[in-house]
Amino acid sequence: MRFVWRAFGATALGLIFGCQRPAGMGAAWPPGHPGPADASVADARATSAGALSVRPGSADAATAAAAAIRVAAAGDIACDGCGQAGTAALIDQLISTDHLQAVLVLGDLAYSSGSAAEFQAFYAPSWGRPEILQLSHPVPGNHEYASGSADDYFDYFNGAAAPDGQAGPRGQGYYSFDLGSWHVIALNSSDACRFVSCSDTSAQRDWLAADLAAHPALCTLAFWHHPRFQAGTSSGELSAVAPLWNLLYAAGVELVLNGHEHGYQQLSPLDDTGQLDPARGIRTFVVGTGGGEFDTSFGGPRLGALETSVTGSTGVLELTLQPGGYSWQFVETDGTRPSAASGSAPCH
């Protein structure tokens, strides 16, 4: 059964942009990071925060449509008996109809231990198909760290024993790249930050501070597995990632995408203490709907920030990233697009 909860903060889905594929992802990987094979370098920085309000049919609208980047995202994906075949088929459809440029993979990819055998048996035939894999930007979740190292995860995406690759540097798993005018940051919360630290004195936090300083984009998105803030109570919130969230908030980042809680949530923009901040807060999407079984319940201090939730349905979040703003739509595997799980907003 599907439940669509209240939607008191999201606006109606904005402009529907054309399906022309832009000229490349604009990848900007760390030194030595090859990225997907079809990625190209671009550095088109946005200059206006009003891109969502252009007049349909105008030259500005045509420019915005050409610059728009379509992205799909979900985590908590593949197992024996999970629904990964359905979400992979949905991504195939979105690649064909909406010309996806990237797939953000939000951790817990192969249950229950992220082993090489589980990746080959469950992930490879679905989300690991070449059409999807070449667009994928993964982060690990806690299940990838069942052995303590996530070696099988890095082997799968980067190659056996490779020091770097699609999943970022081995043992670190954090990296960044550009999608059109947007800067995108992949972070690693490992198993509640136990194996890759998120602390104020961690290498990851220092790397993030340097990356944000080096990429002062108008629009920035970050993604990792464990939510800093959410309204789901099954998995809860992870305070250990606060140093990363606080840096992102101070830098004016727009969006954070997480998994871990097995359902869909969108939260109003929040500050570094989890309070509503419509002017400068970070909007959170929790998209633990890639195929794993559902376990979401709701409550806690962030319930008042919950704009919309969907439980009992697998699917993916589709984002349209354009210069100066973004729009979103949760798409279920049966093709349903709940109107409450959609909206648009400008960048800060």
Protein backbone atom coordinates (compact mmCIF):
# COMPACT_ATOMS: atom_id res chain seq x y z
CA MET A 1 0.00 0.00 0.00
CA ARG A 2 1.21 3.48 -0.83
CA PHE A 3 0.77 6.43 1.53
CA VAL A 4 1.40 10.01 0.37
CA TRP A 5 1.73 12.27 3.40
CA ARG A 6 1.09 15.96 3.71
CA ALA A 7 2.69 18.38 1.31
CA PHE A 8 2.52 21.82 2.88
CA GLY A 9 5.87 23.21 1.75
CA ALA A 10 6.38 21.99 -1.82
CA THR A 11 5.27 24.07 -4.76
CA ALA A 12 3.82 22.62 -7.94
CA LEU A 13 6.29 21.20 -10.45
CA GLY A 14 7.68 24.07 -12.49
CA LEU A 15 8.69 24.21 -16.11
CA ILE A 16 8.92 20.97 -18.07
CA PHE A 17 12.15 21.23 -19.98
CA GLY A 18 12.97 19.72 -23.35
CA CYS A 19 14.77 16.44 -23.72
CA GLN A 20 17.83 17.55 -25.67
CA ARG A 21 20.89 15.93 -24.13
CA PRO A 22 23.42 18.55 -23.04
CA ALA A 23 26.94 18.33 -24.34
CA GLY A 24 28.40 16.52 -21.33
CA MET A 25 28.39 16.07 -17.61
CA GLY A 26 31.10 18.59 -16.95
CA ALA A 27 32.99 16.24 -14.66
CA ALA A 28 35.66 17.73 -12.42
CA TRP A 29 37.16 14.77 -10.61
CA PRO A 30 39.92 14.87 -7.98
CA PRO A 31 43.47 14.32 -9.28
CA GLY A 32 43.74 10.82 -10.73
CA HIS A 33 39.97 10.20 -10.72
CA PRO A 34 38.87 9.15 -14.23
CA GLY A 35 35.11 9.41 -13.75
CA PRO A 36 32.61 7.80 -16.17
CA ALA A 37 33.94 7.20 -19.65
CA ASP A 38 31.59 9.64 -21.37
CA ALA A 39 32.11 12.55 -18.94
CA SER A 40 33.53 15.81 -20.32
CA VAL A 41 34.80 18.92 -18.58
CA ALA A 42 32.65 22.03 -18.43
CA ASP A 43 32.69 25.06 -16.15
CA ALA A 44 29.55 27.02 -16.95
CA ARG A 45 28.90 28.90 -13.72
CA ALA A 46 25.40 30.25 -13.15
CA THR A 47 24.86 33.99 -12.89
CA SER A 48 21.16 34.24 -12.10
CA ALA A 49 18.89 32.77 -9.44
CA GLY A 50 15.75 33.30 -11.51
CA ALA A 51 16.12 30.53 -14.06
CA LEU A 52 12.91 28.82 -12.97
CA SER A 53 10.74 31.79 -13.86
CA VAL A 54 11.64 32.26 -17.54
CA ARG A 55 8.73 32.73 -19.93
CA PRO A 56 7.85 29.55 -21.91
CA GLY A 57 8.69 29.89 -25.58
CA SER A 58 11.19 32.70 -25.01
CA ALA A 59 14.87 32.60 -25.90
CA ASP A 60 15.67 32.41 -22.18
CA ALA A 61 13.42 29.37 -21.84
CA ALA A 62 15.15 27.65 -24.75
CA THR A 63 18.54 28.37 -23.20
CA ALA A 64 17.42 27.04 -19.82
CA ALA A 65 16.04 23.88 -21.46
CA ALA A 66 19.30 23.23 -23.26
CA ALA A 67 21.27 23.74 -20.04
CA ALA A 68 19.03 21.54 -17.88
CA ILE A 69 20.53 18.31 -16.55
CA ARG A 70 18.28 15.39 -15.62
CA VAL A 71 19.44 13.22 -12.71
CA ALA A 72 17.94 10.14 -11.03
CA ALA A 73 18.77 9.09 -7.47
CA ALA A 74 17.97 6.29 -5.02
CA GLY A 75 19.66 4.01 -2.52
CA ASP A 76 18.99 0.79 -0.60
CA ILE A 77 18.78 -1.27 -3.73
CA ALA A 78 19.57 -4.91 -4.44
CA CYS A 79 19.08 -8.29 -2.79
CA ASP A 80 17.58 -11.70 -3.40
CA GLY A 81 13.87 -10.85 -3.58
CA CYS A 82 14.27 -7.06 -3.59
CA GLY A 83 12.75 -4.76 -6.22
CA GLN A 84 15.93 -3.68 -8.01
CA ALA A 85 14.76 -4.99 -11.39
CA GLY A 86 11.81 -2.60 -11.33
CA THR A 87 13.81 0.49 -10.42
CA ALA A 88 16.50 -0.40 -12.99
CA ALA A 89 13.80 -0.69 -15.65
CA LEU A 90 12.47 2.71 -14.58
CA ILE A 91 15.93 4.25 -14.94
CA ASP A 92 16.24 2.67 -18.40
CA GLN A 93 12.96 4.34 -19.32
CA LEU A 94 14.09 7.73 -17.97
CA ILE A 95 17.36 7.43 -19.89
CA SER A 96 15.33 6.93 -23.06
CA THR A 97 12.55 9.48 -22.49
CA ASP A 98 14.18 12.14 -20.31
CA HIS A 99 17.83 11.74 -21.37
CA LEU A 100 19.28 11.29 -17.90
CA GLN A 101 22.80 12.58 -17.53
CA ALA A 102 23.62 11.01 -14.16
CA VAL A 103 22.45 8.42 -11.63
CA LEU A 104 23.32 9.14 -7.98
CA VAL A 105 23.52 5.86 -6.07
CA LEU A 106 22.93 6.50 -2.36
CA GLY A 107 24.46 3.49 -0.61
CA ASP A 108 23.44 0.02 0.61
CA LEU A 109 23.69 -1.27 -2.92
CA ALA A 110 23.95 -5.04 -2.40
CA TYR A 111 22.48 -6.75 0.66
CA SER A 112 23.30 -7.90 3.12
CA SER A 113 27.06 -7.43 3.30
CA GLY A 114 28.08 -5.70 0.07
CA SER A 115 30.13 -8.74 -0.89
CA ALA A 116 31.51 -9.39 -4.36
CA ALA A 117 29.10 -12.30 -4.74
CA GLU A 118 26.11 -10.11 -3.82
CA PHE A 119 27.18 -7.36 -6.20
CA GLN A 120 27.46 -9.87 -9.03
CA ALA A 121 24.25 -11.72 -8.22
CA PHE A 122 21.92 -8.83 -7.43
CA TYR A 123 23.37 -5.45 -8.45
CA ALA A 124 25.17 -6.26 -11.71
CA PRO A 125 22.10 -7.61 -13.60
CA SER A 126 20.02 -4.55 -12.69
CA TRP A 127 21.68 -1.25 -11.74
CA GLY A 128 24.99 -2.61 -12.98
CA ARG A 129 23.90 -2.85 -16.61
CA PRO A 130 26.24 -0.77 -18.82
CA GLU A 131 23.60 1.81 -19.74
CA ILE A 132 23.09 2.67 -16.07
CA LEU A 133 26.58 1.97 -14.76
CA GLN A 134 28.25 4.46 -17.10
CA LEU A 135 26.06 7.23 -15.67
CA SER A 136 26.41 6.15 -12.03
CA HIS A 137 28.08 8.08 -9.23
CA PRO A 138 27.99 5.85 -6.12
CA VAL A 139 28.52 6.31 -2.41
CA PRO A 140 28.71 3.40 0.04
CA GLY A 141 26.34 2.68 2.89
CA ASN A 142 26.72 0.76 6.11
CA HIS A 143 26.13 -2.60 4.45
CA GLU A 144 29.16 -2.09 2.19
CA TYR A 145 31.21 -1.88 5.40
CA ALA A 146 30.03 -5.19 6.87
CA SER A 147 33.63 -6.44 6.58
CA GLY A 148 35.04 -3.11 7.80
CA SER A 149 36.77 -2.12 4.57
CA ALA A 150 34.22 -1.88 1.70
CA ASP A 151 36.92 -3.49 -0.49
CA ASP A 152 34.36 -5.39 -2.58
CA TYR A 153 32.47 -2.13 -3.23
CA PHE A 154 35.63 -0.38 -4.44
CA ASP A 155 36.63 -3.44 -6.47
CA TYR A 156 33.25 -3.49 -8.20
CA PHE A 157 33.23 0.16 -9.27
CA ASN A 158 36.95 0.94 -9.59
CA GLY A 159 38.42 -2.42 -10.56
CA ALA A 160 40.16 -5.06 -8.48
CA ALA A 161 42.60 -3.40 -6.07
CA ALA A 162 42.51 -0.18 -8.13
CA PRO A 163 43.52 2.83 -6.03
CA ASP A 164 40.96 5.16 -7.61
CA GLY A 165 38.07 5.22 -10.04
CA GLN A 166 34.34 5.67 -10.36
CA ALA A 167 33.72 5.33 -6.60
CA GLY A 168 36.50 7.73 -5.61
CA PRO A 169 39.82 6.95 -3.95
CA ARG A 170 39.95 3.52 -2.31
CA GLY A 171 39.43 3.73 1.41
CA GLN A 172 38.01 7.25 1.15
CA GLY A 173 35.06 7.14 -1.24
CA TYR A 174 34.48 10.90 -1.36
CA TYR A 175 34.89 12.95 -4.53
CA SER A 176 33.23 15.74 -6.52
CA PHE A 177 32.27 16.58 -10.08
CA ASP A 178 30.22 19.06 -12.09
CA LEU A 179 26.88 18.53 -13.81
CA GLY A 180 26.32 21.51 -16.09
CA SER A 181 26.41 24.59 -13.87
CA TRP A 182 25.97 22.54 -10.68
CA HIS A 183 28.75 21.30 -8.42
CA VAL A 184 28.04 17.85 -6.95
CA ILE A 185 29.79 16.37 -3.91
CA ALA A 186 29.81 12.67 -2.96
CA LEU A 187 30.59 12.02 0.72
CA ASN A 188 31.11 8.84 2.75
CA SER A 189 29.26 8.17 6.00
CA SER A 190 30.50 4.53 5.93
CA ASP A 191 28.92 2.73 8.91
CA ALA A 192 27.81 5.76 10.96
CA CYS A 193 31.21 7.35 10.17
CA ARG A 194 33.05 4.57 12.06
CA PHE A 195 35.38 3.56 9.23
CA VAL A 196 35.68 6.87 7.36
CA SER A 197 35.52 9.66 9.92
CA CYS A 198 33.24 12.68 9.51
CA SER A 199 34.62 14.53 12.54
CA ASP A 200 35.83 18.12 12.72
CA THR A 201 39.42 16.88 12.55
CA SER A 202 38.89 14.26 9.84
CA ALA A 203 40.56 14.13 6.44
CA GLN A 204 37.10 14.02 4.85
CA ARG A 205 36.01 17.24 6.54
CA ASP A 206 39.26 18.97 5.50
CA TRP A 207 38.82 17.74 1.93
CA LEU A 208 35.22 19.02 1.87
CA ALA A 209 36.24 22.47 3.11
CA ALA A 210 38.89 22.69 0.37
CA ASP A 211 36.50 21.44 -2.30
CA LEU A 212 33.81 23.97 -1.39
CA ALA A 213 36.37 26.78 -1.45
CA ALA A 214 37.65 25.66 -4.85
CA HIS A 215 34.17 25.37 -6.40
CA PRO A 216 32.09 28.43 -5.48
CA ALA A 217 29.17 27.42 -7.71
CA LEU A 218 25.81 29.17 -7.33
CA CYS A 219 24.13 25.76 -7.10
CA THR A 220 25.60 22.80 -5.18
CA LEU A 221 24.26 19.35 -4.28
CA ALA A 222 25.77 16.81 -1.87
CA PHE A 223 24.86 13.16 -1.32
CA TRP A 224 25.77 10.36 1.08
CA HIS A 225 23.99 7.50 2.84
CA HIS A 226 22.96 8.37 6.44
CA PRO A 227 20.63 11.39 6.89
CA ARG A 228 21.73 14.16 9.21
CA PHE A 229 18.09 15.19 9.56
CA GLN A 230 14.93 13.27 8.68
CA ALA A 231 11.45 12.48 9.95
CA GLY A 232 11.79 8.70 9.70
CA THR A 233 12.22 6.87 12.99
CA SER A 234 13.26 3.40 11.83
CA SER A 235 16.90 4.34 11.22
CA GLY A 236 16.99 7.77 12.85
CA GLU A 237 19.35 10.69 12.31
CA LEU A 238 23.15 10.56 12.36
CA SER A 239 24.72 13.35 14.41
CA ALA A 240 28.21 12.13 13.43
CA VAL A 241 27.82 13.77 10.01
CA ALA A 242 27.12 17.17 11.59
CA PRO A 243 30.60 18.56 10.77
CA LEU A 244 29.97 17.86 7.08
CA TRP A 245 26.43 19.26 7.15
CA ASN A 246 27.62 22.39 8.97
CA LEU A 247 30.22 23.11 6.28
CA LEU A 248 27.63 22.60 3.55
CA TYR A 249 25.16 24.89 5.28
CA ALA A 250 27.78 27.63 5.77
CA ALA A 251 28.65 27.39 2.08
CA GLY A 252 25.02 27.86 0.99
CA VAL A 253 24.51 24.39 -0.47
CA GLU A 254 21.01 23.78 -1.87
CA LEU A 255 20.37 20.06 -1.69
CA VAL A 256 21.37 16.95 0.25
CA LEU A 257 20.32 13.46 -0.87
CA ASN A 258 20.44 10.44 1.46
CA GLY A 259 19.20 6.86 1.74
CA HIS A 260 19.25 4.50 4.75
CA GLU A 261 15.59 5.05 5.74
CA HIS A 262 13.59 2.85 3.36
CA GLY A 263 11.03 5.25 1.96
CA TYR A 264 10.81 8.66 0.29
CA GLN A 265 10.87 11.95 2.18
CA GLN A 266 11.35 15.57 1.25
CA LEU A 267 12.04 18.03 4.04
CA SER A 268 11.81 21.81 4.05
CA PRO A 269 15.15 23.65 4.05
CA LEU A 270 16.89 23.30 7.42
CA ASP A 271 19.80 25.05 9.11
CA ASP A 272 22.73 23.51 10.97
CA THR A 273 20.57 22.82 14.04
CA GLY A 274 17.70 21.21 12.12
CA GLN A 275 15.43 24.24 12.32
CA LEU A 276 13.46 25.64 9.40
CA ASP A 277 15.43 28.15 7.35
CA PRO A 278 13.58 28.98 4.10
CA ALA A 279 16.16 31.58 3.05
CA ARG A 280 19.43 29.66 3.40
CA GLY A 281 18.58 26.17 4.58
CA ILE A 282 19.41 22.88 2.87
CA ARG A 283 16.52 20.88 1.40
CA THR A 284 16.86 17.15 2.17
CA PHE A 285 15.57 14.26 0.10
CA VAL A 286 15.69 10.77 1.61
CA VAL A 287 15.34 8.24 -1.20
CA GLY A 288 15.76 4.76 0.25
CA THR A 289 13.45 3.35 -2.41
CA GLY A 290 15.82 1.60 -4.83
CA GLY A 291 14.40 -1.87 -4.19
CA GLY A 292 14.98 -2.86 -0.58
CA GLU A 293 12.14 -3.78 1.73
CA PHE A 294 10.25 -0.96 3.44
CA ASP A 295 10.71 -0.12 7.10
CA THR A 296 9.73 3.54 7.50
CA SER A 297 7.71 5.11 10.29
CA PHE A 298 7.52 8.82 11.11
CA GLY A 299 7.84 11.10 14.10
CA GLY A 300 10.47 12.99 16.07
CA PRO A 301 11.63 16.61 15.99
CA ARG A 302 11.77 16.84 12.20
CA LEU A 303 8.15 15.81 11.62
CA GLY A 304 7.15 19.47 11.29
CA ALA A 305 9.65 19.87 8.43
CA LEU A 306 8.29 16.90 6.49
CA GLU A 307 6.75 18.21 3.28
CA THR A 308 5.91 14.88 1.68
CA SER A 309 6.58 11.20 2.19
CA VAL A 310 5.85 8.08 0.15
CA THR A 311 6.05 4.60 1.65
CA GLY A 312 5.38 1.16 0.25
CA SER A 313 6.52 2.04 -3.30
CA THR A 314 9.88 1.63 -4.96
CA GLY A 315 11.03 4.36 -7.31
CA VAL A 316 13.58 7.08 -7.93
CA LEU A 317 13.87 10.80 -7.40
CA GLU A 318 14.23 12.66 -10.69
CA LEU A 319 15.90 16.06 -10.45
CA THR A 320 16.15 18.68 -13.16
CA LEU A 321 19.17 20.86 -12.46
CA GLN A 322 19.36 24.11 -14.38
CA PRO A 323 21.31 27.35 -14.01
CA GLY A 324 19.87 29.11 -10.99
CA GLY A 325 17.41 26.49 -9.76
CA TYR A 326 16.03 22.97 -9.74
CA SER A 327 12.83 20.96 -9.89
CA TRP A 328 12.04 17.48 -8.63
CA GLN A 329 9.61 14.61 -9.02
CA PHE A 330 9.47 11.23 -7.29
CA VAL A 331 8.65 8.57 -9.89
CA GLU A 332 7.35 5.17 -8.80
CA THR A 333 8.19 2.02 -10.70
CA ASP A 334 4.63 1.73 -12.00
CA GLY A 335 4.98 5.17 -13.57
CA THR A 336 2.99 7.03 -10.91
CA ARG A 337 4.24 10.57 -10.27
CA PRO A 338 2.63 11.79 -7.04
CA SER A 339 1.88 15.49 -7.39
CA ALA A 340 2.68 16.02 -3.72
CA ALA A 341 6.20 14.66 -4.30
CA SER A 342 7.19 17.35 -6.79
CA GLY A 343 8.21 20.96 -6.78
CA SER A 344 10.72 23.57 -7.86
CA ALA A 345 12.94 26.17 -6.21
CA PRO A 346 15.70 28.66 -7.02
CA CYS A 347 19.23 28.33 -5.72
CA HIS A 348 20.29 30.59 -2.86
